[in-house]
Amino acid sequence: MSKYTSGPWTFEEHKGEEYGPMENCSFAIKGPPLDEYLPGIQLATVVSDCVDRHEANARLIASAPCLLSALIAITNSGPDAIPIKEAFEMAHRAIERAVGGDA
């Protein structure tokens, strides 16, 4: 399996950034804080012509580690697997986070 920055990932709106004709229309996707003094590194920038769409895209990208963990939990079997009900609850929380819920 590929190595990726572990979650949770977050997103925040860039203020005052300029990308061609679009101003204040971008979000930074960041990894978890490196320690108590260092913030997470920026993993990606989402830029779009539609504020609602780029926030939704940023939210979806930032939820990727949670979504992957939920899928792994659902597909795992064997003695170390978590109960399926717990795996599905994990999936529901990940989906809520991806689409803008409070989870």
PDB file of N, CA and C in Angstrom:
ATOM      1  N   MET A   1       0.846  -1.177   0.000  1.00  0.00           N
ATOM      2  CA  MET A   1       0.000   0.000   0.000  1.00  0.00           C
ATOM      3  C   MET A   1       0.895   1.244   0.000  1.00  0.00           C
ATOM      4  N   SER A   2       0.479   2.267  -0.686  1.00  0.00           N
ATOM      5  CA  SER A   2       1.216   3.530  -0.738  1.00  0.00           C
ATOM      6  C   SER A   2       1.231   4.199   0.622  1.00  0.00           C
ATOM      7  N   LYS A   3       2.259   4.963   0.844  1.00  0.00           N
ATOM      8  CA  LYS A   3       2.326   5.752   2.076  1.00  0.00           C
ATOM      9  C   LYS A   3       1.682   7.107   1.796  1.00  0.00           C
ATOM     10  N   TYR A   4       0.913   7.578   2.716  1.00  0.00           N
ATOM     11  CA  TYR A   4       0.288   8.896   2.606  1.00  0.00           C
ATOM     12  C   TYR A   4       0.331   9.537   3.981  1.00  0.00           C
ATOM     13  N   THR A   5       0.098  10.828   4.023  1.00  0.00           N
ATOM     14  CA  THR A   5       0.076  11.540   5.299  1.00  0.00           C
ATOM     15  C   THR A   5      -1.137  11.072   6.084  1.00  0.00           C
ATOM     16  N   SER A   6      -0.895  10.600   7.301  1.00  0.00           N
ATOM     17  CA  SER A   6      -1.991  10.094   8.108  1.00  0.00           C
ATOM     18  C   SER A   6      -2.961  11.228   8.448  1.00  0.00           C
ATOM     19  N   GLY A   7      -4.167  10.851   8.787  1.00  0.00           N
ATOM     20  CA  GLY A   7      -5.182  11.838   9.138  1.00  0.00           C
ATOM     21  C   GLY A   7      -5.124  12.178  10.605  1.00  0.00           C
ATOM     22  N   PRO A   8      -5.979  13.041  11.067  1.00  0.00           N
ATOM     23  CA  PRO A   8      -7.011  13.683  10.257  1.00  0.00           C
ATOM     24  C   PRO A   8      -6.445  14.833   9.435  1.00  0.00           C
ATOM     25  N   TRP A   9      -7.034  15.035   8.272  1.00  0.00           N
ATOM     26  CA  TRP A   9      -6.695  16.182   7.451  1.00  0.00           C
ATOM     27  C   TRP A   9      -7.730  17.264   7.724  1.00  0.00           C
ATOM     28  N   THR A  10      -7.332  18.507   7.542  1.00  0.00           N
ATOM     29  CA  THR A  10      -8.249  19.634   7.719  1.00  0.00           C
ATOM     30  C   THR A  10      -8.177  20.516   6.484  1.00  0.00           C
ATOM     31  N   PHE A  11      -9.109  21.455   6.396  1.00  0.00           N
ATOM     32  CA  PHE A  11      -9.048  22.436   5.306  1.00  0.00           C
ATOM     33  C   PHE A  11      -9.355  23.804   5.878  1.00  0.00           C
ATOM     34  N   GLU A  12      -8.776  24.801   5.254  1.00  0.00           N
ATOM     35  CA  GLU A  12      -9.053  26.176   5.667  1.00  0.00           C
ATOM     36  C   GLU A  12      -8.994  27.075   4.447  1.00  0.00           C
ATOM     37  N   GLU A  13      -9.823  28.090   4.475  1.00  0.00           N
ATOM     38  CA  GLU A  13      -9.876  29.026   3.354  1.00  0.00           C
ATOM     39  C   GLU A  13      -8.648  29.912   3.373  1.00  0.00           C
ATOM     40  N   HIS A  14      -8.076  30.112   2.185  1.00  0.00           N
ATOM     41  CA  HIS A  14      -6.976  31.063   2.041  1.00  0.00           C
ATOM     42  C   HIS A  14      -7.578  32.454   1.898  1.00  0.00           C
ATOM     43  N   LYS A  15      -7.112  33.370   2.666  1.00  0.00           N
ATOM     44  CA  LYS A  15      -7.578  34.756   2.565  1.00  0.00           C
ATOM     45  C   LYS A  15      -6.526  35.575   1.832  1.00  0.00           C
ATOM     46  N   GLY A  16      -6.963  36.335   0.854  1.00  0.00           N
ATOM     47  CA  GLY A  16      -6.064  37.241   0.160  1.00  0.00           C
ATOM     48  C   GLY A  16      -5.134  36.593  -0.841  1.00  0.00           C
ATOM     49  N   GLU A  17      -5.331  35.310  -1.132  1.00  0.00           N
ATOM     50  CA  GLU A  17      -4.498  34.642  -2.133  1.00  0.00           C
ATOM     51  C   GLU A  17      -5.055  34.968  -3.514  1.00  0.00           C
ATOM     52  N   GLU A  18      -4.188  35.057  -4.481  1.00  0.00           N
ATOM     53  CA  GLU A  18      -4.625  35.348  -5.832  1.00  0.00           C
ATOM     54  C   GLU A  18      -4.155  34.263  -6.776  1.00  0.00           C
ATOM     55  N   TYR A  19      -5.060  33.683  -7.524  1.00  0.00           N
ATOM     56  CA  TYR A  19      -4.762  32.675  -8.525  1.00  0.00           C
ATOM     57  C   TYR A  19      -5.353  33.162  -9.835  1.00  0.00           C
ATOM     58  N   GLY A  20      -4.572  33.899 -10.598  1.00  0.00           N
ATOM     59  CA  GLY A  20      -5.056  34.455 -11.847  1.00  0.00           C
ATOM     60  C   GLY A  20      -6.208  35.402 -11.575  1.00  0.00           C
ATOM     61  N   PRO A  21      -7.340  35.242 -12.299  1.00  0.00           N
ATOM     62  CA  PRO A  21      -8.475  36.141 -12.115  1.00  0.00           C
ATOM     63  C   PRO A  21      -9.279  35.870 -10.841  1.00  0.00           C
ATOM     64  N   MET A  22      -8.984  34.768 -10.152  1.00  0.00           N
ATOM     65  CA  MET A  22      -9.761  34.414  -8.963  1.00  0.00           C
ATOM     66  C   MET A  22      -9.043  34.894  -7.712  1.00  0.00           C
ATOM     67  N   GLU A  23      -9.712  35.672  -6.920  1.00  0.00           N
ATOM     68  CA  GLU A  23      -9.142  36.146  -5.672  1.00  0.00           C
ATOM     69  C   GLU A  23      -9.972  35.595  -4.511  1.00  0.00           C
ATOM     70  N   ASN A  24      -9.306  35.199  -3.437  1.00  0.00           N
ATOM     71  CA  ASN A  24      -9.980  34.643  -2.249  1.00  0.00           C
ATOM     72  C   ASN A  24     -10.859  33.451  -2.594  1.00  0.00           C
ATOM     73  N   CYS A  25     -10.384  32.628  -3.479  1.00  0.00           N
ATOM     74  CA  CYS A  25     -11.192  31.487  -3.909  1.00  0.00           C
ATOM     75  C   CYS A  25     -10.353  30.209  -3.857  1.00  0.00           C
ATOM     76  N   SER A  26      -9.776  29.926  -2.685  1.00  0.00           N
ATOM     77  CA  SER A  26      -8.984  28.712  -2.569  1.00  0.00           C
ATOM     78  C   SER A  26      -9.006  28.197  -1.133  1.00  0.00           C
ATOM     79  N   PHE A  27      -8.785  26.911  -0.990  1.00  0.00           N
ATOM     80  CA  PHE A  27      -8.708  26.263   0.311  1.00  0.00           C
ATOM     81  C   PHE A  27      -7.420  25.457   0.384  1.00  0.00           C
ATOM     82  N   ALA A  28      -6.794  25.449   1.555  1.00  0.00           N
ATOM     83  CA  ALA A  28      -5.611  24.634   1.806  1.00  0.00           C
ATOM     84  C   ALA A  28      -6.038  23.356   2.513  1.00  0.00           C
ATOM     85  N   ILE A  29      -5.537  22.220   2.052  1.00  0.00           N
ATOM     86  CA  ILE A  29      -5.735  20.944   2.721  1.00  0.00           C
ATOM     87  C   ILE A  29      -4.459  20.704   3.523  1.00  0.00           C
ATOM     88  N   LYS A  30      -4.605  20.470   4.835  1.00  0.00           N
ATOM     89  CA  LYS A  30      -3.436  20.305   5.698  1.00  0.00           C
ATOM     90  C   LYS A  30      -3.496  18.976   6.439  1.00  0.00           C
ATOM     91  N   GLY A  31      -2.311  18.432   6.675  1.00  0.00           N
ATOM     92  CA  GLY A  31      -2.193  17.221   7.481  1.00  0.00           C
ATOM     93  C   GLY A  31      -2.288  17.567   8.954  1.00  0.00           C
ATOM     94  N   PRO A  32      -2.185  16.555   9.818  1.00  0.00           N
ATOM     95  CA  PRO A  32      -2.278  16.806  11.257  1.00  0.00           C
ATOM     96  C   PRO A  32      -1.080  17.607  11.750  1.00  0.00           C
ATOM     97  N   PRO A  33      -1.215  18.299  12.874  1.00  0.00           N
ATOM     98  CA  PRO A  33      -0.072  19.038  13.426  1.00  0.00           C
ATOM     99  C   PRO A  33       1.116  18.101  13.640  1.00  0.00           C
ATOM    100  N   LEU A  34       2.313  18.600  13.382  1.00  0.00           N
ATOM    101  CA  LEU A  34       3.518  17.798  13.549  1.00  0.00           C
ATOM    102  C   LEU A  34       3.855  17.619  15.027  1.00  0.00           C
ATOM    103  N   ASP A  35       3.585  18.646  15.796  1.00  0.00           N
ATOM    104  CA  ASP A  35       3.690  18.577  17.254  1.00  0.00           C
ATOM    105  C   ASP A  35       2.910  19.750  17.822  1.00  0.00           C
ATOM    106  N   GLU A  36       3.041  20.009  19.102  1.00  0.00           N
ATOM    107  CA  GLU A  36       2.229  21.069  19.707  1.00  0.00           C
ATOM    108  C   GLU A  36       2.599  22.464  19.220  1.00  0.00           C
ATOM    109  N   TYR A  37       3.751  22.620  18.580  1.00  0.00           N
ATOM    110  CA  TYR A  37       4.186  23.935  18.116  1.00  0.00           C
ATOM    111  C   TYR A  37       4.127  24.094  16.601  1.00  0.00           C
ATOM    112  N   LEU A  38       4.192  22.991  15.881  1.00  0.00           N
ATOM    113  CA  LEU A  38       4.225  23.052  14.424  1.00  0.00           C
ATOM    114  C   LEU A  38       2.894  22.627  13.825  1.00  0.00           C
ATOM    115  N   PRO A  39       2.294  23.483  12.994  1.00  0.00           N
ATOM    116  CA  PRO A  39       1.022  23.115  12.359  1.00  0.00           C
ATOM    117  C   PRO A  39       1.259  22.029  11.310  1.00  0.00           C
ATOM    118  N   GLY A  40       0.173  21.460  10.843  1.00  0.00           N
ATOM    119  CA  GLY A  40       0.278  20.454   9.790  1.00  0.00           C
ATOM    120  C   GLY A  40       0.785  21.049   8.496  1.00  0.00           C
ATOM    121  N   ILE A  41       1.454  20.229   7.697  1.00  0.00           N
ATOM    122  CA  ILE A  41       1.967  20.700   6.419  1.00  0.00           C
ATOM    123  C   ILE A  41       0.823  20.778   5.410  1.00  0.00           C
ATOM    124  N   GLN A  42       0.956  21.701   4.472  1.00  0.00           N
ATOM    125  CA  GLN A  42      -0.066  21.832   3.435  1.00  0.00           C
ATOM    126  C   GLN A  42       0.136  20.719   2.425  1.00  0.00           C
ATOM    127  N   LEU A  43      -0.899  19.960   2.183  1.00  0.00           N
ATOM    128  CA  LEU A  43      -0.853  18.825   1.268  1.00  0.00           C
ATOM    129  C   LEU A  43      -1.328  19.192  -0.138  1.00  0.00           C
ATOM    130  N   ALA A  44      -2.273  20.123  -0.205  1.00  0.00           N
ATOM    131  CA  ALA A  44      -2.866  20.491  -1.492  1.00  0.00           C
ATOM    132  C   ALA A  44      -3.579  21.824  -1.364  1.00  0.00           C
ATOM    133  N   THR A  45      -3.859  22.425  -2.516  1.00  0.00           N
ATOM    134  CA  THR A  45      -4.667  23.633  -2.582  1.00  0.00           C
ATOM    135  C   THR A  45      -5.802  23.386  -3.568  1.00  0.00           C
ATOM    136  N   VAL A  46      -7.003  23.731  -3.172  1.00  0.00           N
ATOM    137  CA  VAL A  46      -8.177  23.593  -4.031  1.00  0.00           C
ATOM    138  C   VAL A  46      -8.552  24.979  -4.524  1.00  0.00           C
ATOM    139  N   VAL A  47      -8.590  25.132  -5.849  1.00  0.00           N
ATOM    140  CA  VAL A  47      -8.934  26.407  -6.468  1.00  0.00           C
ATOM    141  C   VAL A  47     -10.057  26.141  -7.463  1.00  0.00           C
ATOM    142  N   SER A  48     -11.068  26.985  -7.443  1.00  0.00           N
ATOM    143  CA  SER A  48     -12.211  26.785  -8.325  1.00  0.00           C
ATOM    144  C   SER A  48     -12.845  28.125  -8.655  1.00  0.00           C
ATOM    145  N   ASP A  49     -13.721  28.103  -9.639  1.00  0.00           N
ATOM    146  CA  ASP A  49     -14.441  29.312 -10.018  1.00  0.00           C
ATOM    147  C   ASP A  49     -15.727  29.479  -9.217  1.00  0.00           C
ATOM    148  N   CYS A  50     -16.007  28.559  -8.307  1.00  0.00           N
ATOM    149  CA  CYS A  50     -17.253  28.595  -7.546  1.00  0.00           C
ATOM    150  C   CYS A  50     -16.941  28.335  -6.081  1.00  0.00           C
ATOM    151  N   VAL A  51     -17.183  29.309  -5.227  1.00  0.00           N
ATOM    152  CA  VAL A  51     -16.848  29.194  -3.810  1.00  0.00           C
ATOM    153  C   VAL A  51     -17.505  27.975  -3.176  1.00  0.00           C
ATOM    154  N   ASP A  52     -18.797  27.755  -3.419  1.00  0.00           N
ATOM    155  CA  ASP A  52     -19.490  26.602  -2.828  1.00  0.00           C
ATOM    156  C   ASP A  52     -18.857  25.297  -3.280  1.00  0.00           C
ATOM    157  N   ARG A  53     -18.510  25.217  -4.551  1.00  0.00           N
ATOM    158  CA  ARG A  53     -17.942  23.982  -5.089  1.00  0.00           C
ATOM    159  C   ARG A  53     -16.543  23.734  -4.536  1.00  0.00           C
ATOM    160  N   HIS A  54     -15.719  24.780  -4.434  1.00  0.00           N
ATOM    161  CA  HIS A  54     -14.356  24.498  -3.965  1.00  0.00           C
ATOM    162  C   HIS A  54     -14.336  24.188  -2.480  1.00  0.00           C
ATOM    163  N   GLU A  55     -15.264  24.725  -1.699  1.00  0.00           N
ATOM    164  CA  GLU A  55     -15.342  24.329  -0.288  1.00  0.00           C
ATOM    165  C   GLU A  55     -15.780  22.867  -0.178  1.00  0.00           C
ATOM    166  N   ALA A  56     -16.748  22.460  -0.987  1.00  0.00           N
ATOM    167  CA  ALA A  56     -17.195  21.068  -0.975  1.00  0.00           C
ATOM    168  C   ALA A  56     -16.072  20.130  -1.414  1.00  0.00           C
ATOM    169  N   ASN A  57     -15.319  20.525  -2.432  1.00  0.00           N
ATOM    170  CA  ASN A  57     -14.186  19.714  -2.894  1.00  0.00           C
ATOM    171  C   ASN A  57     -13.120  19.610  -1.804  1.00  0.00           C
ATOM    172  N   ALA A  58     -12.822  20.721  -1.148  1.00  0.00           N
ATOM    173  CA  ALA A  58     -11.822  20.722  -0.072  1.00  0.00           C
ATOM    174  C   ALA A  58     -12.273  19.825   1.074  1.00  0.00           C
ATOM    175  N   ARG A  59     -13.544  19.896   1.430  1.00  0.00           N
ATOM    176  CA  ARG A  59     -14.093  19.061   2.512  1.00  0.00           C
ATOM    177  C   ARG A  59     -13.968  17.574   2.151  1.00  0.00           C
ATOM    178  N   LEU A  60     -14.292  17.227   0.917  1.00  0.00           N
ATOM    179  CA  LEU A  60     -14.204  15.836   0.475  1.00  0.00           C
ATOM    180  C   LEU A  60     -12.765  15.335   0.502  1.00  0.00           C
ATOM    181  N   ILE A  61     -11.842  16.133  -0.021  1.00  0.00           N
ATOM    182  CA  ILE A  61     -10.427  15.740  -0.022  1.00  0.00           C
ATOM    183  C   ILE A  61      -9.909  15.584   1.403  1.00  0.00           C
ATOM    184  N   ALA A  62     -10.251  16.525   2.277  1.00  0.00           N
ATOM    185  CA  ALA A  62      -9.781  16.476   3.660  1.00  0.00           C
ATOM    186  C   ALA A  62     -10.330  15.266   4.412  1.00  0.00           C
ATOM    187  N   SER A  63     -11.454  14.728   3.979  1.00  0.00           N
ATOM    188  CA  SER A  63     -12.044  13.576   4.659  1.00  0.00           C
ATOM    189  C   SER A  63     -11.507  12.248   4.128  1.00  0.00           C
ATOM    190  N   ALA A  64     -10.621  12.272   3.141  1.00  0.00           N
ATOM    191  CA  ALA A  64     -10.119  11.038   2.525  1.00  0.00           C
ATOM    192  C   ALA A  64      -9.556  10.027   3.521  1.00  0.00           C
ATOM    193  N   PRO A  65      -8.715  10.416   4.487  1.00  0.00           N
ATOM    194  CA  PRO A  65      -8.209   9.402   5.428  1.00  0.00           C
ATOM    195  C   PRO A  65      -9.319   8.735   6.244  1.00  0.00           C
ATOM    196  N   CYS A  66     -10.335   9.499   6.650  1.00  0.00           N
ATOM    197  CA  CYS A  66     -11.461   8.920   7.405  1.00  0.00           C
ATOM    198  C   CYS A  66     -12.264   7.962   6.534  1.00  0.00           C
ATOM    199  N   LEU A  67     -12.488   8.347   5.292  1.00  0.00           N
ATOM    200  CA  LEU A  67     -13.231   7.482   4.375  1.00  0.00           C
ATOM    201  C   LEU A  67     -12.463   6.193   4.116  1.00  0.00           C
ATOM    202  N   LEU A  68     -11.146   6.283   3.915  1.00  0.00           N
ATOM    203  CA  LEU A  68     -10.329   5.097   3.679  1.00  0.00           C
ATOM    204  C   LEU A  68     -10.352   4.182   4.903  1.00  0.00           C
ATOM    205  N   SER A  69     -10.197   4.745   6.085  1.00  0.00           N
ATOM    206  CA  SER A  69     -10.228   3.940   7.307  1.00  0.00           C
ATOM    207  C   SER A  69     -11.556   3.206   7.450  1.00  0.00           C
ATOM    208  N   ALA A  70     -12.646   3.886   7.132  1.00  0.00           N
ATOM    209  CA  ALA A  70     -13.964   3.255   7.226  1.00  0.00           C
ATOM    210  C   ALA A  70     -14.094   2.108   6.226  1.00  0.00           C
ATOM    211  N   LEU A  71     -13.619   2.318   5.002  1.00  0.00           N
ATOM    212  CA  LEU A  71     -13.693   1.248   4.001  1.00  0.00           C
ATOM    213  C   LEU A  71     -12.841   0.052   4.410  1.00  0.00           C
ATOM    214  N   ILE A  72     -11.666   0.309   4.947  1.00  0.00           N
ATOM    215  CA  ILE A  72     -10.813  -0.782   5.416  1.00  0.00           C
ATOM    216  C   ILE A  72     -11.504  -1.541   6.539  1.00  0.00           C
ATOM    217  N   ALA A  73     -12.112  -0.811   7.476  1.00  0.00           N
ATOM    218  CA  ALA A  73     -12.808  -1.450   8.590  1.00  0.00           C
ATOM    219  C   ALA A  73     -13.965  -2.322   8.106  1.00  0.00           C
ATOM    220  N   ILE A  74     -14.693  -1.854   7.103  1.00  0.00           N
ATOM    221  CA  ILE A  74     -15.834  -2.611   6.585  1.00  0.00           C
ATOM    222  C   ILE A  74     -15.372  -3.871   5.859  1.00  0.00           C
ATOM    223  N   THR A  75     -14.255  -3.788   5.142  1.00  0.00           N
ATOM    224  CA  THR A  75     -13.815  -4.936   4.343  1.00  0.00           C
ATOM    225  C   THR A  75     -12.917  -5.902   5.099  1.00  0.00           C
ATOM    226  N   ASN A  76     -12.419  -5.521   6.275  1.00  0.00           N
ATOM    227  CA  ASN A  76     -11.578  -6.426   7.063  1.00  0.00           C
ATOM    228  C   ASN A  76     -12.413  -7.560   7.645  1.00  0.00           C
ATOM    229  N   SER A  77     -11.793  -8.712   7.737  1.00  0.00           N
ATOM    230  CA  SER A  77     -12.419  -9.836   8.421  1.00  0.00           C
ATOM    231  C   SER A  77     -11.334 -10.549   9.215  1.00  0.00           C
ATOM    232  N   GLY A  78     -11.729 -11.423  10.083  1.00  0.00           N
ATOM    233  CA  GLY A  78     -10.759 -12.149  10.883  1.00  0.00           C
ATOM    234  C   GLY A  78     -10.838 -11.773  12.342  1.00  0.00           C
ATOM    235  N   PRO A  79      -9.946 -12.330  13.140  1.00  0.00           N
ATOM    236  CA  PRO A  79     -10.024 -12.137  14.587  1.00  0.00           C
ATOM    237  C   PRO A  79      -9.770 -10.703  15.051  1.00  0.00           C
ATOM    238  N   ASP A  80      -9.048  -9.921  14.273  1.00  0.00           N
ATOM    239  CA  ASP A  80      -8.748  -8.542  14.678  1.00  0.00           C
ATOM    240  C   ASP A  80      -9.737  -7.523  14.120  1.00  0.00           C
ATOM    241  N   ALA A  81     -10.717  -7.983  13.376  1.00  0.00           N
ATOM    242  CA  ALA A  81     -11.681  -7.068  12.753  1.00  0.00           C
ATOM    243  C   ALA A  81     -12.585  -6.459  13.824  1.00  0.00           C
ATOM    244  N   ILE A  82     -12.961  -5.204  13.592  1.00  0.00           N
ATOM    245  CA  ILE A  82     -13.912  -4.562  14.511  1.00  0.00           C
ATOM    246  C   ILE A  82     -15.323  -5.019  14.138  1.00  0.00           C
ATOM    247  N   PRO A  83     -16.258  -4.972  15.061  1.00  0.00           N
ATOM    248  CA  PRO A  83     -17.638  -5.389  14.739  1.00  0.00           C
ATOM    249  C   PRO A  83     -18.195  -4.571  13.571  1.00  0.00           C
ATOM    250  N   ILE A  84     -18.963  -5.228  12.730  1.00  0.00           N
ATOM    251  CA  ILE A  84     -19.483  -4.579  11.525  1.00  0.00           C
ATOM    252  C   ILE A  84     -20.333  -3.357  11.854  1.00  0.00           C
ATOM    253  N   LYS A  85     -21.090  -3.412  12.955  1.00  0.00           N
ATOM    254  CA  LYS A  85     -21.903  -2.251  13.335  1.00  0.00           C
ATOM    255  C   LYS A  85     -20.993  -1.046  13.608  1.00  0.00           C
ATOM    256  N   GLU A  86     -19.900  -1.269  14.304  1.00  0.00           N
ATOM    257  CA  GLU A  86     -18.941  -0.188  14.585  1.00  0.00           C
ATOM    258  C   GLU A  86     -18.293   0.324  13.298  1.00  0.00           C
ATOM    259  N   ALA A  87     -17.990  -0.589  12.373  1.00  0.00           N
ATOM    260  CA  ALA A  87     -17.397  -0.198  11.088  1.00  0.00           C
ATOM    261  C   ALA A  87     -18.363   0.678  10.295  1.00  0.00           C
ATOM    262  N   PHE A  88     -19.648   0.318  10.303  1.00  0.00           N
ATOM    263  CA  PHE A  88     -20.630   1.122   9.581  1.00  0.00           C
ATOM    264  C   PHE A  88     -20.851   2.477  10.253  1.00  0.00           C
ATOM    265  N   GLU A  89     -20.802   2.528  11.573  1.00  0.00           N
ATOM    266  CA  GLU A  89     -20.898   3.818  12.273  1.00  0.00           C
ATOM    267  C   GLU A  89     -19.716   4.710  11.896  1.00  0.00           C
ATOM    268  N   MET A  90     -18.546   4.100  11.798  1.00  0.00           N
ATOM    269  CA  MET A  90     -17.351   4.828  11.369  1.00  0.00           C
ATOM    270  C   MET A  90     -17.547   5.384   9.954  1.00  0.00           C
ATOM    271  N   ALA A  91     -18.129   4.569   9.081  1.00  0.00           N
ATOM    272  CA  ALA A  91     -18.389   5.000   7.706  1.00  0.00           C
ATOM    273  C   ALA A  91     -19.384   6.153   7.672  1.00  0.00           C
ATOM    274  N   HIS A  92     -20.433   6.069   8.470  1.00  0.00           N
ATOM    275  CA  HIS A  92     -21.430   7.154   8.507  1.00  0.00           C
ATOM    276  C   HIS A  92     -20.799   8.464   8.991  1.00  0.00           C
ATOM    277  N   ARG A  93     -19.933   8.396  10.001  1.00  0.00           N
ATOM    278  CA  ARG A  93     -19.244   9.609  10.488  1.00  0.00           C
ATOM    279  C   ARG A  93     -18.342  10.187   9.401  1.00  0.00           C
ATOM    280  N   ALA A  94     -17.648   9.325   8.673  1.00  0.00           N
ATOM    281  CA  ALA A  94     -16.759   9.786   7.600  1.00  0.00           C
ATOM    282  C   ALA A  94     -17.556  10.449   6.476  1.00  0.00           C
ATOM    283  N   ILE A  95     -18.691   9.874   6.129  1.00  0.00           N
ATOM    284  CA  ILE A  95     -19.541  10.459   5.088  1.00  0.00           C
ATOM    285  C   ILE A  95     -20.082  11.812   5.542  1.00  0.00           C
ATOM    286  N   GLU A  96     -20.537  11.903   6.785  1.00  0.00           N
ATOM    287  CA  GLU A  96     -21.025  13.190   7.313  1.00  0.00           C
ATOM    288  C   GLU A  96     -19.944  14.251   7.238  1.00  0.00           C
ATOM    289  N   ARG A  97     -18.727  13.882   7.587  1.00  0.00           N
ATOM    290  CA  ARG A  97     -17.611  14.830   7.523  1.00  0.00           C
ATOM    291  C   ARG A  97     -17.354  15.264   6.078  1.00  0.00           C
ATOM    292  N   ALA A  98     -17.433  14.321   5.156  1.00  0.00           N
ATOM    293  CA  ALA A  98     -17.173  14.617   3.741  1.00  0.00           C
ATOM    294  C   ALA A  98     -18.208  15.549   3.145  1.00  0.00           C
ATOM    295  N   VAL A  99     -19.454  15.422   3.575  1.00  0.00           N
ATOM    296  CA  VAL A  99     -20.512  16.233   2.979  1.00  0.00           C
ATOM    297  C   VAL A  99     -20.891  17.448   3.814  1.00  0.00           C
ATOM    298  N   GLY A 100     -20.184  17.650   4.922  1.00  0.00           N
ATOM    299  CA  GLY A 100     -20.402  18.873   5.682  1.00  0.00           C
ATOM    300  C   GLY A 100     -21.168  18.711   6.972  1.00  0.00           C
ATOM    301  N   GLY A 101     -21.299  17.488   7.463  1.00  0.00           N
ATOM    302  CA  GLY A 101     -21.964  17.277   8.735  1.00  0.00           C
ATOM    303  C   GLY A 101     -21.038  17.611   9.893  1.00  0.00           C
ATOM    304  N   ASP A 102     -21.505  17.397  11.107  1.00  0.00           N
ATOM    305  CA  ASP A 102     -20.745  17.737  12.295  1.00  0.00           C
ATOM    306  C   ASP A 102     -19.824  16.637  12.760  1.00  0.00           C
ATOM    307  N   ALA A 103     -19.870  15.476  12.177  1.00  0.00           N
ATOM    308  CA  ALA A 103     -19.063  14.353  12.665  1.00  0.00           C
ATOM    309  C   ALA A 103     -17.599  14.527  12.381  1.00  0.00           C
TER     310      ALA A 103
END
